[in-house]
PDB file of N, CA and C in Angstrom:
ATOM      1  N   MET A   1       0.898  -1.107  -0.063  1.00  0.00           N
ATOM      2  CA  MET A   1       0.043   0.008  -0.017  1.00  0.00           C
ATOM      3  C   MET A   1       0.837   1.254  -0.040  1.00  0.00           C
ATOM      4  N   LYS A   2       0.533   2.235  -0.641  1.00  0.00           N
ATOM      5  CA  LYS A   2       1.269   3.474  -0.888  1.00  0.00           C
ATOM      6  C   LYS A   2       1.496   4.192   0.402  1.00  0.00           C
ATOM      7  N   ILE A   3       0.511   4.293   1.337  1.00  0.00           N
ATOM      8  CA  ILE A   3       0.622   4.870   2.553  1.00  0.00           C
ATOM      9  C   ILE A   3       1.725   4.274   3.439  1.00  0.00           C
ATOM     10  N   ASP A   4       1.676   2.915   3.521  1.00  0.00           N
ATOM     11  CA  ASP A   4       2.665   2.021   4.298  1.00  0.00           C
ATOM     12  C   ASP A   4       4.133   2.494   3.763  1.00  0.00           C
ATOM     13  N   THR A   5       4.231   2.406   2.567  1.00  0.00           N
ATOM     14  CA  THR A   5       5.636   2.617   1.925  1.00  0.00           C
ATOM     15  C   THR A   5       6.205   4.094   2.302  1.00  0.00           C
ATOM     16  N   ILE A   6       5.203   5.098   2.141  1.00  0.00           N
ATOM     17  CA  ILE A   6       5.565   6.377   2.404  1.00  0.00           C
ATOM     18  C   ILE A   6       5.901   6.609   3.917  1.00  0.00           C
ATOM     19  N   PHE A   7       5.125   6.018   4.680  1.00  0.00           N
ATOM     20  CA  PHE A   7       5.309   6.059   6.283  1.00  0.00           C
ATOM     21  C   PHE A   7       6.720   5.377   6.563  1.00  0.00           C
ATOM     22  N   LEU A   8       6.965   4.287   6.111  1.00  0.00           N
ATOM     23  CA  LEU A   8       8.267   3.627   6.337  1.00  0.00           C
ATOM     24  C   LEU A   8       9.428   4.432   5.799  1.00  0.00           C
ATOM     25  N   THR A   9       9.225   4.987   4.711  1.00  0.00           N
ATOM     26  CA  THR A   9      10.319   5.964   4.156  1.00  0.00           C
ATOM     27  C   THR A   9      10.558   7.059   4.997  1.00  0.00           C
ATOM     28  N   ILE A  10       9.481   7.687   5.524  1.00  0.00           N
ATOM     29  CA  ILE A  10       9.687   8.776   6.413  1.00  0.00           C
ATOM     30  C   ILE A  10      10.498   8.339   7.740  1.00  0.00           C
ATOM     31  N   LEU A  11      10.061   7.290   8.168  1.00  0.00           N
ATOM     32  CA  LEU A  11      10.739   6.719   9.472  1.00  0.00           C
ATOM     33  C   LEU A  11      12.307   6.467   9.176  1.00  0.00           C
ATOM     34  N   GLU A  12      12.653   5.685   8.192  1.00  0.00           N
ATOM     35  CA  GLU A  12      13.823   5.415   7.774  1.00  0.00           C
ATOM     36  C   GLU A  12      14.796   6.680   7.492  1.00  0.00           C
ATOM     37  N   SER A  13      14.145   7.533   6.746  1.00  0.00           N
ATOM     38  CA  SER A  13      14.781   8.852   6.342  1.00  0.00           C
ATOM     39  C   SER A  13      15.198   9.652   7.645  1.00  0.00           C
ATOM     40  N   THR A  14      14.289   9.729   8.481  1.00  0.00           N
ATOM     41  CA  THR A  14      14.431  10.460   9.712  1.00  0.00           C
ATOM     42  C   THR A  14      15.528  10.027  10.433  1.00  0.00           C
ATOM     43  N   GLN A  15      15.491   8.635  10.719  1.00  0.00           N
ATOM     44  CA  GLN A  15      16.612   7.891  11.427  1.00  0.00           C
ATOM     45  C   GLN A  15      17.977   8.319  10.797  1.00  0.00           C
ATOM     46  N   ARG A  16      17.969   8.019   9.483  1.00  0.00           N
ATOM     47  CA  ARG A  16      19.354   8.356   8.850  1.00  0.00           C
ATOM     48  C   ARG A  16      19.851   9.803   8.792  1.00  0.00           C
ATOM     49  N   SER A  17      18.832  10.709   8.849  1.00  0.00           N
ATOM     50  CA  SER A  17      19.248  12.056   8.779  1.00  0.00           C
ATOM     51  C   SER A  17      19.918  12.645  10.087  1.00  0.00           C
ATOM     52  N   VAL A  18      19.716  11.857  11.136  1.00  0.00           N
ATOM     53  CA  VAL A  18      20.277  12.158  12.365  1.00  0.00           C
ATOM     54  C   VAL A  18      21.882  12.193  12.317  1.00  0.00           C
ATOM     55  N   TYR A  19      22.408  11.211  11.413  1.00  0.00           N
ATOM     56  CA  TYR A  19      23.695  11.096  11.271  1.00  0.00           C
ATOM     57  C   TYR A  19      24.415  11.916  10.143  1.00  0.00           C
ATOM     58  N   LEU A  20      23.609  12.685   9.381  1.00  0.00           N
ATOM     59  CA  LEU A  20      24.239  13.422   8.337  1.00  0.00           C
ATOM     60  C   LEU A  20      24.899  14.727   8.724  1.00  0.00           C
ATOM     61  N   GLU A  21      25.688  15.154   7.884  1.00  0.00           N
ATOM     62  CA  GLU A  21      26.439  16.441   8.122  1.00  0.00           C
ATOM     63  C   GLU A  21      25.214  17.643   8.054  1.00  0.00           C
ATOM     64  N   LYS A  22      25.394  18.590   8.667  1.00  0.00           N
ATOM     65  CA  LYS A  22      24.398  19.743   8.892  1.00  0.00           C
ATOM     66  C   LYS A  22      23.706  20.145   7.582  1.00  0.00           C
ATOM     67  N   GLU A  23      24.646  20.376   6.490  1.00  0.00           N
ATOM     68  CA  GLU A  23      24.176  20.885   5.138  1.00  0.00           C
ATOM     69  C   GLU A  23      23.283  19.738   4.539  1.00  0.00           C
ATOM     70  N   LYS A  24      23.772  18.559   4.555  1.00  0.00           N
ATOM     71  CA  LYS A  24      22.986  17.417   3.980  1.00  0.00           C
ATOM     72  C   LYS A  24      21.741  17.118   4.854  1.00  0.00           C
ATOM     73  N   LYS A  25      21.850  17.309   6.050  1.00  0.00           N
ATOM     74  CA  LYS A  25      20.624  17.171   7.009  1.00  0.00           C
ATOM     75  C   LYS A  25      19.438  18.039   6.590  1.00  0.00           C
ATOM     76  N   ILE A  26      19.857  19.301   6.303  1.00  0.00           N
ATOM     77  CA  ILE A  26      18.832  20.319   5.953  1.00  0.00           C
ATOM     78  C   ILE A  26      18.112  19.892   4.722  1.00  0.00           C
ATOM     79  N   SER A  27      18.693  19.371   3.671  1.00  0.00           N
ATOM     80  CA  SER A  27      17.936  19.061   2.440  1.00  0.00           C
ATOM     81  C   SER A  27      17.294  17.700   2.762  1.00  0.00           C
ATOM     82  N   ALA A  28      17.845  16.882   3.583  1.00  0.00           N
ATOM     83  CA  ALA A  28      17.057  15.596   3.913  1.00  0.00           C
ATOM     84  C   ALA A  28      15.746  15.881   4.629  1.00  0.00           C
ATOM     85  N   ILE A  29      15.740  16.787   5.600  1.00  0.00           N
ATOM     86  CA  ILE A  29      14.595  17.149   6.394  1.00  0.00           C
ATOM     87  C   ILE A  29      13.555  17.699   5.431  1.00  0.00           C
ATOM     88  N   LYS A  30      14.055  18.544   4.508  1.00  0.00           N
ATOM     89  CA  LYS A  30      13.030  19.105   3.596  1.00  0.00           C
ATOM     90  C   LYS A  30      12.305  18.015   2.752  1.00  0.00           C
ATOM     91  N   VAL A  31      13.064  17.011   2.344  1.00  0.00           N
ATOM     92  CA  VAL A  31      12.404  15.871   1.637  1.00  0.00           C
ATOM     93  C   VAL A  31      11.539  15.208   2.471  1.00  0.00           C
ATOM     94  N   ILE A  32      11.851  14.971   3.840  1.00  0.00           N
ATOM     95  CA  ILE A  32      10.998  14.267   4.794  1.00  0.00           C
ATOM     96  C   ILE A  32       9.677  14.982   4.939  1.00  0.00           C
ATOM     97  N   ILE A  33       9.806  16.272   5.028  1.00  0.00           N
ATOM     98  CA  ILE A  33       8.624  17.161   5.260  1.00  0.00           C
ATOM     99  C   ILE A  33       7.738  17.043   4.059  1.00  0.00           C
ATOM    100  N   ARG A  34       8.252  17.026   2.916  1.00  0.00           N
ATOM    101  CA  ARG A  34       7.359  16.830   1.590  1.00  0.00           C
ATOM    102  C   ARG A  34       6.806  15.502   1.623  1.00  0.00           C
ATOM    103  N   LYS A  35       7.459  14.381   2.106  1.00  0.00           N
ATOM    104  CA  LYS A  35       6.797  13.105   2.166  1.00  0.00           C
ATOM    105  C   LYS A  35       5.739  13.064   3.225  1.00  0.00           C
ATOM    106  N   LEU A  36       5.948  13.626   4.377  1.00  0.00           N
ATOM    107  CA  LEU A  36       4.948  13.759   5.306  1.00  0.00           C
ATOM    108  C   LEU A  36       3.790  14.576   4.850  1.00  0.00           C
ATOM    109  N   ASP A  37       3.932  15.548   4.162  1.00  0.00           N
ATOM    110  CA  ASP A  37       2.745  16.269   3.509  1.00  0.00           C
ATOM    111  C   ASP A  37       1.901  15.355   2.565  1.00  0.00           C
ATOM    112  N   SER A  38       2.778  14.580   1.770  1.00  0.00           N
ATOM    113  CA  SER A  38       2.008  13.546   0.821  1.00  0.00           C
ATOM    114  C   SER A  38       1.113  12.596   1.680  1.00  0.00           C
ATOM    115  N   LEU A  39       1.689  12.176   2.916  1.00  0.00           N
ATOM    116  CA  LEU A  39       1.116  11.239   3.647  1.00  0.00           C
ATOM    117  C   LEU A  39      -0.076  11.664   4.197  1.00  0.00           C
ATOM    118  N   LYS A  40      -0.045  12.933   4.799  1.00  0.00           N
ATOM    119  CA  LYS A  40      -1.169  13.648   5.298  1.00  0.00           C
ATOM    120  C   LYS A  40      -2.300  13.819   4.162  1.00  0.00           C
ATOM    121  N   PHE A  41      -1.856  14.142   3.054  1.00  0.00           N
ATOM    122  CA  PHE A  41      -2.866  14.338   1.790  1.00  0.00           C
ATOM    123  C   PHE A  41      -3.478  12.982   1.553  1.00  0.00           C
ATOM    124  N   LEU A  42      -2.780  11.840   1.624  1.00  0.00           N
ATOM    125  CA  LEU A  42      -3.435  10.577   1.379  1.00  0.00           C
ATOM    126  C   LEU A  42      -4.407  10.211   2.378  1.00  0.00           C
ATOM    127  N   PHE A  43      -4.021  10.459   3.585  1.00  0.00           N
ATOM    128  CA  PHE A  43      -4.966  10.213   4.652  1.00  0.00           C
ATOM    129  C   PHE A  43      -6.251  11.048   4.532  1.00  0.00           C
ATOM    130  N   LYS A  44      -6.074  12.234   4.129  1.00  0.00           N
ATOM    131  CA  LYS A  44      -7.258  13.179   3.993  1.00  0.00           C
ATOM    132  C   LYS A  44      -8.119  12.693   2.921  1.00  0.00           C
ATOM    133  N   ILE A  45      -7.597  12.216   1.841  1.00  0.00           N
ATOM    134  CA  ILE A  45      -8.439  11.677   0.717  1.00  0.00           C
ATOM    135  C   ILE A  45      -9.128  10.369   1.165  1.00  0.00           C
ATOM    136  N   ALA A  46      -8.377   9.530   2.042  1.00  0.00           N
ATOM    137  CA  ALA A  46      -9.005   8.338   2.461  1.00  0.00           C
ATOM    138  C   ALA A  46     -10.213   8.635   3.369  1.00  0.00           C
ATOM    139  N   TRP A  47     -10.087   9.806   4.115  1.00  0.00           N
ATOM    140  CA  TRP A  47     -11.229  10.134   5.084  1.00  0.00           C
ATOM    141  C   TRP A  47     -12.260  10.861   4.170  1.00  0.00           C
ATOM    142  N   GLU A  48     -11.972  11.601   3.104  1.00  0.00           N
ATOM    143  CA  GLU A  48     -13.018  12.204   2.382  1.00  0.00           C
ATOM    144  C   GLU A  48     -13.792  11.171   1.541  1.00  0.00           C
ATOM    145  N   ILE A  49     -13.171  10.072   1.067  1.00  0.00           N
ATOM    146  CA  ILE A  49     -13.917   9.134   0.393  1.00  0.00           C
ATOM    147  C   ILE A  49     -14.523   8.026   1.345  1.00  0.00           C
ATOM    148  N   GLU A  50     -14.442   8.283   2.655  1.00  0.00           N
ATOM    149  CA  GLU A  50     -15.063   7.505   3.693  1.00  0.00           C
ATOM    150  C   GLU A  50     -14.397   6.198   3.895  1.00  0.00           C
ATOM    151  N   VAL A  51     -13.174   5.987   3.561  1.00  0.00           N
ATOM    152  CA  VAL A  51     -12.383   4.797   3.812  1.00  0.00           C
ATOM    153  C   VAL A  51     -11.911   4.817   5.384  1.00  0.00           C
ATOM    154  N   LEU A  52     -11.752   6.050   5.865  1.00  0.00           N
ATOM    155  CA  LEU A  52     -11.537   6.246   7.222  1.00  0.00           C
ATOM    156  C   LEU A  52     -12.732   6.999   7.933  1.00  0.00           C
ATOM    157  N   ASP A  53     -13.121   6.543   9.078  1.00  0.00           N
ATOM    158  CA  ASP A  53     -14.213   7.240   9.643  1.00  0.00           C
ATOM    159  C   ASP A  53     -13.518   8.486  10.437  1.00  0.00           C
ATOM    160  N   ASN A  54     -14.393   9.377  11.011  1.00  0.00           N
ATOM    161  CA  ASN A  54     -13.939  10.654  11.688  1.00  0.00           C
ATOM    162  C   ASN A  54     -12.883  10.307  12.761  1.00  0.00           C
ATOM    163  N   LYS A  55     -13.224   9.267  13.606  1.00  0.00           N
ATOM    164  CA  LYS A  55     -12.559   8.947  14.767  1.00  0.00           C
ATOM    165  C   LYS A  55     -11.040   8.367  14.363  1.00  0.00           C
ATOM    166  N   ALA A  56     -11.039   7.426  13.279  1.00  0.00           N
ATOM    167  CA  ALA A  56      -9.807   6.967  12.881  1.00  0.00           C
ATOM    168  C   ALA A  56      -8.890   8.125  12.246  1.00  0.00           C
ATOM    169  N   TYR A  57      -9.572   8.883  11.527  1.00  0.00           N
ATOM    170  CA  TYR A  57      -8.769  10.107  10.874  1.00  0.00           C
ATOM    171  C   TYR A  57      -8.120  10.995  11.928  1.00  0.00           C
ATOM    172  N   ALA A  58      -9.009  11.309  12.947  1.00  0.00           N
ATOM    173  CA  ALA A  58      -8.475  12.211  13.933  1.00  0.00           C
ATOM    174  C   ALA A  58      -7.261  11.511  14.691  1.00  0.00           C
ATOM    175  N   ARG A  59      -7.493  10.248  15.058  1.00  0.00           N
ATOM    176  CA  ARG A  59      -6.388   9.388  15.697  1.00  0.00           C
ATOM    177  C   ARG A  59      -5.133   9.509  15.029  1.00  0.00           C
ATOM    178  N   ILE A  60      -5.250   9.320  13.653  1.00  0.00           N
ATOM    179  CA  ILE A  60      -4.131   9.280  12.749  1.00  0.00           C
ATOM    180  C   ILE A  60      -3.502  10.677  12.478  1.00  0.00           C
ATOM    181  N   SER A  61      -4.347  11.678  12.175  1.00  0.00           N
ATOM    182  CA  SER A  61      -3.808  12.885  11.844  1.00  0.00           C
ATOM    183  C   SER A  61      -3.138  13.734  12.842  1.00  0.00           C
ATOM    184  N   GLU A  62      -3.610  13.546  14.074  1.00  0.00           N
ATOM    185  CA  GLU A  62      -3.040  14.419  15.223  1.00  0.00           C
ATOM    186  C   GLU A  62      -1.359  14.063  15.281  1.00  0.00           C
ATOM    187  N   PRO A  63      -0.960  12.805  15.372  1.00  0.00           N
ATOM    188  CA  PRO A  63       0.382  12.564  15.470  1.00  0.00           C
ATOM    189  C   PRO A  63       1.238  13.040  14.256  1.00  0.00           C
ATOM    190  N   LEU A  64       0.471  12.966  12.950  1.00  0.00           N
ATOM    191  CA  LEU A  64       1.122  13.405  11.706  1.00  0.00           C
ATOM    192  C   LEU A  64       1.419  14.931  11.790  1.00  0.00           C
ATOM    193  N   PHE A  65       0.484  15.629  12.251  1.00  0.00           N
ATOM    194  CA  PHE A  65       0.572  17.084  12.308  1.00  0.00           C
ATOM    195  C   PHE A  65       1.620  17.500  13.341  1.00  0.00           C
ATOM    196  N   GLU A  66       1.601  16.788  14.463  1.00  0.00           N
ATOM    197  CA  GLU A  66       2.611  17.000  15.424  1.00  0.00           C
ATOM    198  C   GLU A  66       4.081  16.654  14.937  1.00  0.00           C
ATOM    199  N   SER A  67       4.183  15.719  14.169  1.00  0.00           N
ATOM    200  CA  SER A  67       5.498  15.315  13.617  1.00  0.00           C
ATOM    201  C   SER A  67       5.980  16.383  12.529  1.00  0.00           C
ATOM    202  N   GLY A  68       4.947  17.070  11.871  1.00  0.00           N
ATOM    203  CA  GLY A  68       5.279  18.106  10.984  1.00  0.00           C
ATOM    204  C   GLY A  68       5.828  19.312  11.767  1.00  0.00           C
ATOM    205  N   LYS A  69       5.215  19.549  12.883  1.00  0.00           N
ATOM    206  CA  LYS A  69       5.748  20.743  13.781  1.00  0.00           C
ATOM    207  C   LYS A  69       7.147  20.464  14.209  1.00  0.00           C
ATOM    208  N   ILE A  70       7.457  19.071  14.674  1.00  0.00           N
ATOM    209  CA  ILE A  70       8.717  18.824  15.180  1.00  0.00           C
ATOM    210  C   ILE A  70       9.701  18.937  14.050  1.00  0.00           C
ATOM    211  N   LEU A  71       9.499  18.333  12.852  1.00  0.00           N
ATOM    212  CA  LEU A  71      10.312  18.401  11.725  1.00  0.00           C
ATOM    213  C   LEU A  71      10.646  19.960  11.435  1.00  0.00           C
ATOM    214  N   GLY A  72       9.515  20.724  11.327  1.00  0.00           N
ATOM    215  CA  GLY A  72       9.745  22.058  10.950  1.00  0.00           C
ATOM    216  C   GLY A  72      10.603  22.920  11.897  1.00  0.00           C
ATOM    217  N   GLY A  73      10.406  22.565  13.170  1.00  0.00           N
ATOM    218  CA  GLY A  73      11.321  23.066  14.268  1.00  0.00           C
ATOM    219  C   GLY A  73      12.789  22.801  14.198  1.00  0.00           C
ATOM    220  N   TRP A  74      12.922  21.503  13.791  1.00  0.00           N
ATOM    221  CA  TRP A  74      14.274  20.968  13.516  1.00  0.00           C
ATOM    222  C   TRP A  74      14.987  21.640  12.265  1.00  0.00           C
ATOM    223  N   LEU A  75      14.161  21.828  11.286  1.00  0.00           N
ATOM    224  CA  LEU A  75      14.653  22.559  10.179  1.00  0.00           C
ATOM    225  C   LEU A  75      15.045  23.941  10.445  1.00  0.00           C
ATOM    226  N   LYS A  76      14.118  24.528  11.194  1.00  0.00           N
ATOM    227  CA  LYS A  76      14.397  26.015  11.491  1.00  0.00           C
ATOM    228  C   LYS A  76      15.566  26.164  12.339  1.00  0.00           C
ATOM    229  N   TYR A  77      15.825  25.169  13.316  1.00  0.00           N
ATOM    230  CA  TYR A  77      16.984  25.248  14.236  1.00  0.00           C
ATOM    231  C   TYR A  77      18.232  25.141  13.343  1.00  0.00           C
ATOM    232  N   LEU A  78      18.310  24.082  12.437  1.00  0.00           N
ATOM    233  CA  LEU A  78      19.457  23.873  11.638  1.00  0.00           C
ATOM    234  C   LEU A  78      19.774  25.110  10.723  1.00  0.00           C
ATOM    235  N   LYS A  79      18.668  25.678  10.204  1.00  0.00           N
ATOM    236  CA  LYS A  79      18.945  26.906   9.379  1.00  0.00           C
ATOM    237  C   LYS A  79      19.576  28.019  10.138  1.00  0.00           C
ATOM    238  N   GLU A  80      18.980  28.310  11.322  1.00  0.00           N
ATOM    239  CA  GLU A  80      19.415  29.316  12.195  1.00  0.00           C
ATOM    240  C   GLU A  80      20.783  29.075  12.754  1.00  0.00           C
ATOM    241  N   ASN A  81      21.337  27.934  12.735  1.00  0.00           N
ATOM    242  CA  ASN A  81      22.589  27.624  13.377  1.00  0.00           C
ATOM    243  C   ASN A  81      23.605  27.047  12.350  1.00  0.00           C
ATOM    244  N   SER A  82      23.170  27.316  11.012  1.00  0.00           N
ATOM    245  CA  SER A  82      24.125  26.976  10.039  1.00  0.00           C
ATOM    246  C   SER A  82      25.000  28.219   9.638  1.00  0.00           C
ATOM    247  N   PRO A  83      26.213  27.995   9.414  1.00  0.00           N
ATOM    248  CA  PRO A  83      27.042  29.145   8.860  1.00  0.00           C
ATOM    249  C   PRO A  83      26.639  29.497   7.531  1.00  0.00           C
ATOM    250  N   THR A  84      26.643  30.906   7.301  1.00  0.00           N
ATOM    251  CA  THR A  84      26.220  31.491   6.087  1.00  0.00           C
ATOM    252  C   THR A  84      27.436  31.252   5.140  1.00  0.00           C
ATOM    253  N   VAL A  85      27.210  31.490   3.867  1.00  0.00           N
ATOM    254  CA  VAL A  85      28.297  31.308   2.864  1.00  0.00           C
ATOM    255  C   VAL A  85      29.467  32.351   3.229  1.00  0.00           C
ATOM    256  N   GLY A  86      30.670  31.747   3.431  1.00  0.00           N
ATOM    257  CA  GLY A  86      31.806  32.520   3.652  1.00  0.00           C
ATOM    258  C   GLY A  86      32.188  32.479   5.163  1.00  0.00           C
ATOM    259  N   GLU A  87      31.317  31.855   5.980  1.00  0.00           N
ATOM    260  CA  GLU A  87      31.617  31.699   7.460  1.00  0.00           C
ATOM    261  C   GLU A  87      32.243  30.430   7.787  1.00  0.00           C
ATOM    262  N   LYS A  88      32.259  29.403   6.856  1.00  0.00           N
ATOM    263  CA  LYS A  88      32.822  28.143   7.131  1.00  0.00           C
ATOM    264  C   LYS A  88      34.104  28.143   7.592  1.00  0.00           C
TER     265      LYS A  88
END
C-alpha cells in the first residue's frame, strides 16, 4: 500500500538524517517534510472518500501534524545555526 511505503520511508529517512552533516541534514529534512505532507494528503483523501471514519482520521492525523511541527522546528533550528556562505 502506498501509505505504508511512504510512512516507512519517512521513518527510515528521519533515522538516517540524524547522522548526516548539517548541510545534508537540511536538504534531507526538507524531503522528509514533503513526504509527510504527501502522507497527510493521502489520509485526508481516505477520510473524504470514507475509507476512514472521523475517529480513525483524528487518531491518525494528530500525530502526523505534530510530527510536521517537530520536523519544521528541527529545520528552523538547523537553518538558524548553520554558517552562512563565507563563514565556514
